[in-house]
Amino acid sequence: MFLQKLAQGGMITIEYYRNGILRSLKGRVYHLNLKKQVISLIDEKQVLHSIRLSGIKQIH
């Protein structure tokens, strides 16, 4: 699956919806949980963010 390949790479940018608002986050993949359908990213400030896969609009 392409998400597992993203987890092996470097920095990515994800555009996603949270509470109906389009947001953007740049970071690297920390953890990918396919059972819960959540991807966790660490940004440049070393802050952990969790994003539901269903809310992702685009990945760069």
N, C-alpha and C. Protein backbone atom coordinates (compact mmCIF):
# COMPACT_ATOMS: atom_id res chain seq x y z
N MET A 1 0.84 -1.18 0.00
CA MET A 1 0.00 0.00 0.00
C MET A 1 0.88 1.24 0.00
N PHE A 2 0.43 2.30 -0.66
CA PHE A 2 1.26 3.50 -0.80
C PHE A 2 1.50 4.20 0.53
N LEU A 3 0.60 4.07 1.51
CA LEU A 3 0.82 4.71 2.81
C LEU A 3 2.00 4.11 3.55
N GLN A 4 2.21 2.83 3.41
CA GLN A 4 3.36 2.20 4.04
C GLN A 4 4.66 2.68 3.40
N LYS A 5 4.64 2.95 2.11
CA LYS A 5 5.83 3.50 1.44
C LYS A 5 6.11 4.92 1.92
N LEU A 6 5.07 5.69 2.22
CA LEU A 6 5.27 7.03 2.75
C LEU A 6 5.95 6.99 4.11
N ALA A 7 5.65 5.97 4.89
CA ALA A 7 6.23 5.85 6.23
C ALA A 7 7.74 5.63 6.16
N GLN A 8 8.26 5.15 5.05
CA GLN A 8 9.68 4.91 4.91
C GLN A 8 10.44 6.14 4.43
N GLY A 9 9.73 7.14 3.93
CA GLY A 9 10.36 8.31 3.34
C GLY A 9 10.66 9.40 4.35
N GLY A 10 10.93 10.60 3.82
CA GLY A 10 11.28 11.75 4.65
C GLY A 10 10.06 12.63 4.93
N MET A 11 10.26 13.93 4.75
CA MET A 11 9.22 14.91 5.06
C MET A 11 8.11 14.87 3.99
N ILE A 12 6.86 14.98 4.46
CA ILE A 12 5.71 15.05 3.57
C ILE A 12 4.79 16.17 4.04
N THR A 13 3.93 16.62 3.16
CA THR A 13 2.91 17.61 3.50
C THR A 13 1.55 16.97 3.27
N ILE A 14 0.69 17.06 4.28
CA ILE A 14 -0.65 16.48 4.20
C ILE A 14 -1.67 17.59 4.35
N GLU A 15 -2.61 17.65 3.43
CA GLU A 15 -3.77 18.52 3.55
C GLU A 15 -4.93 17.65 4.00
N TYR A 16 -5.60 18.06 5.07
CA TYR A 16 -6.64 17.23 5.66
C TYR A 16 -7.73 18.10 6.27
N TYR A 17 -8.89 17.49 6.47
CA TYR A 17 -10.01 18.17 7.10
C TYR A 17 -10.10 17.75 8.56
N ARG A 18 -10.23 18.76 9.44
CA ARG A 18 -10.50 18.50 10.86
C ARG A 18 -11.57 19.49 11.29
N ASN A 19 -12.69 18.97 11.76
CA ASN A 19 -13.83 19.79 12.17
C ASN A 19 -14.32 20.70 11.04
N GLY A 20 -14.28 20.20 9.81
CA GLY A 20 -14.78 20.92 8.66
C GLY A 20 -13.85 21.99 8.12
N ILE A 21 -12.65 22.12 8.70
CA ILE A 21 -11.68 23.12 8.27
C ILE A 21 -10.52 22.42 7.60
N LEU A 22 -10.12 22.91 6.41
CA LEU A 22 -8.99 22.35 5.70
C LEU A 22 -7.70 22.84 6.35
N ARG A 23 -6.84 21.93 6.74
CA ARG A 23 -5.57 22.27 7.39
C ARG A 23 -4.43 21.62 6.62
N SER A 24 -3.22 22.10 6.87
CA SER A 24 -2.04 21.57 6.22
C SER A 24 -0.99 21.31 7.28
N LEU A 25 -0.25 20.20 7.13
CA LEU A 25 0.77 19.83 8.10
C LEU A 25 1.96 19.24 7.36
N LYS A 26 3.14 19.72 7.70
CA LYS A 26 4.37 19.19 7.12
C LYS A 26 5.13 18.47 8.22
N GLY A 27 5.53 17.24 7.93
CA GLY A 27 6.26 16.45 8.90
C GLY A 27 6.66 15.11 8.33
N ARG A 28 7.15 14.25 9.20
CA ARG A 28 7.50 12.89 8.77
C ARG A 28 6.61 11.91 9.50
N VAL A 29 6.37 10.78 8.87
CA VAL A 29 5.47 9.77 9.43
C VAL A 29 6.15 9.11 10.63
N TYR A 30 5.46 9.12 11.75
CA TYR A 30 5.95 8.51 12.98
C TYR A 30 5.35 7.11 13.15
N HIS A 31 4.04 7.01 12.89
CA HIS A 31 3.36 5.72 13.06
C HIS A 31 2.15 5.67 12.13
N LEU A 32 1.87 4.50 11.62
CA LEU A 32 0.72 4.27 10.75
C LEU A 32 -0.09 3.12 11.34
N ASN A 33 -1.32 3.42 11.77
CA ASN A 33 -2.18 2.41 12.36
C ASN A 33 -3.35 2.17 11.40
N LEU A 34 -3.26 1.09 10.63
CA LEU A 34 -4.30 0.81 9.64
C LEU A 34 -5.57 0.27 10.29
N LYS A 35 -5.46 -0.34 11.44
CA LYS A 35 -6.64 -0.86 12.12
C LYS A 35 -7.54 0.28 12.60
N LYS A 36 -6.92 1.31 13.19
CA LYS A 36 -7.68 2.48 13.65
C LYS A 36 -7.79 3.55 12.57
N GLN A 37 -7.12 3.35 11.43
CA GLN A 37 -7.11 4.26 10.29
C GLN A 37 -6.63 5.65 10.69
N VAL A 38 -5.44 5.66 11.34
CA VAL A 38 -4.84 6.91 11.81
C VAL A 38 -3.38 6.94 11.39
N ILE A 39 -2.91 8.10 10.94
CA ILE A 39 -1.50 8.30 10.65
C ILE A 39 -0.99 9.34 11.64
N SER A 40 0.16 9.09 12.23
CA SER A 40 0.77 10.02 13.18
C SER A 40 2.01 10.62 12.55
N LEU A 41 2.11 11.94 12.63
CA LEU A 41 3.25 12.66 12.06
C LEU A 41 3.93 13.49 13.14
N ILE A 42 5.24 13.67 12.97
CA ILE A 42 6.01 14.57 13.83
C ILE A 42 6.41 15.76 12.97
N ASP A 43 6.06 16.97 13.42
CA ASP A 43 6.41 18.16 12.64
C ASP A 43 7.82 18.63 12.96
N GLU A 44 8.19 19.79 12.39
CA GLU A 44 9.55 20.32 12.56
C GLU A 44 9.86 20.66 14.01
N LYS A 45 8.82 20.96 14.80
CA LYS A 45 9.00 21.31 16.21
C LYS A 45 8.93 20.09 17.13
N GLN A 46 8.94 18.90 16.53
CA GLN A 46 8.89 17.62 17.25
C GLN A 46 7.58 17.42 18.02
N VAL A 47 6.48 17.99 17.48
CA VAL A 47 5.15 17.81 18.06
C VAL A 47 4.45 16.70 17.30
N LEU A 48 3.82 15.77 18.03
CA LEU A 48 3.14 14.63 17.43
C LEU A 48 1.70 15.00 17.09
N HIS A 49 1.28 14.71 15.85
CA HIS A 49 -0.07 14.98 15.36
C HIS A 49 -0.66 13.68 14.83
N SER A 50 -1.93 13.41 15.15
CA SER A 50 -2.63 12.24 14.62
C SER A 50 -3.73 12.70 13.69
N ILE A 51 -3.80 12.07 12.53
CA ILE A 51 -4.77 12.44 11.50
C ILE A 51 -5.50 11.20 11.05
N ARG A 52 -6.84 11.28 10.99
CA ARG A 52 -7.63 10.17 10.47
C ARG A 52 -7.45 10.09 8.97
N LEU A 53 -7.29 8.89 8.45
CA LEU A 53 -7.07 8.70 7.02
C LEU A 53 -8.25 9.19 6.19
N SER A 54 -9.45 9.09 6.72
CA SER A 54 -10.64 9.52 5.97
C SER A 54 -10.68 11.03 5.78
N GLY A 55 -9.95 11.79 6.60
CA GLY A 55 -9.95 13.24 6.49
C GLY A 55 -8.89 13.79 5.56
N ILE A 56 -8.00 12.93 5.04
CA ILE A 56 -6.91 13.39 4.19
C ILE A 56 -7.43 13.74 2.81
N LYS A 57 -7.10 14.94 2.36
CA LYS A 57 -7.48 15.38 1.02
C LYS A 57 -6.37 15.13 0.02
N GLN A 58 -5.11 15.48 0.41
CA GLN A 58 -4.00 15.37 -0.52
C GLN A 58 -2.71 15.16 0.25
N ILE A 59 -1.78 14.42 -0.36
CA ILE A 59 -0.46 14.18 0.22
C ILE A 59 0.58 14.60 -0.81
N HIS A 60 1.54 15.41 -0.39
CA HIS A 60 2.63 15.86 -1.26
C HIS A 60 3.92 15.25 -0.79
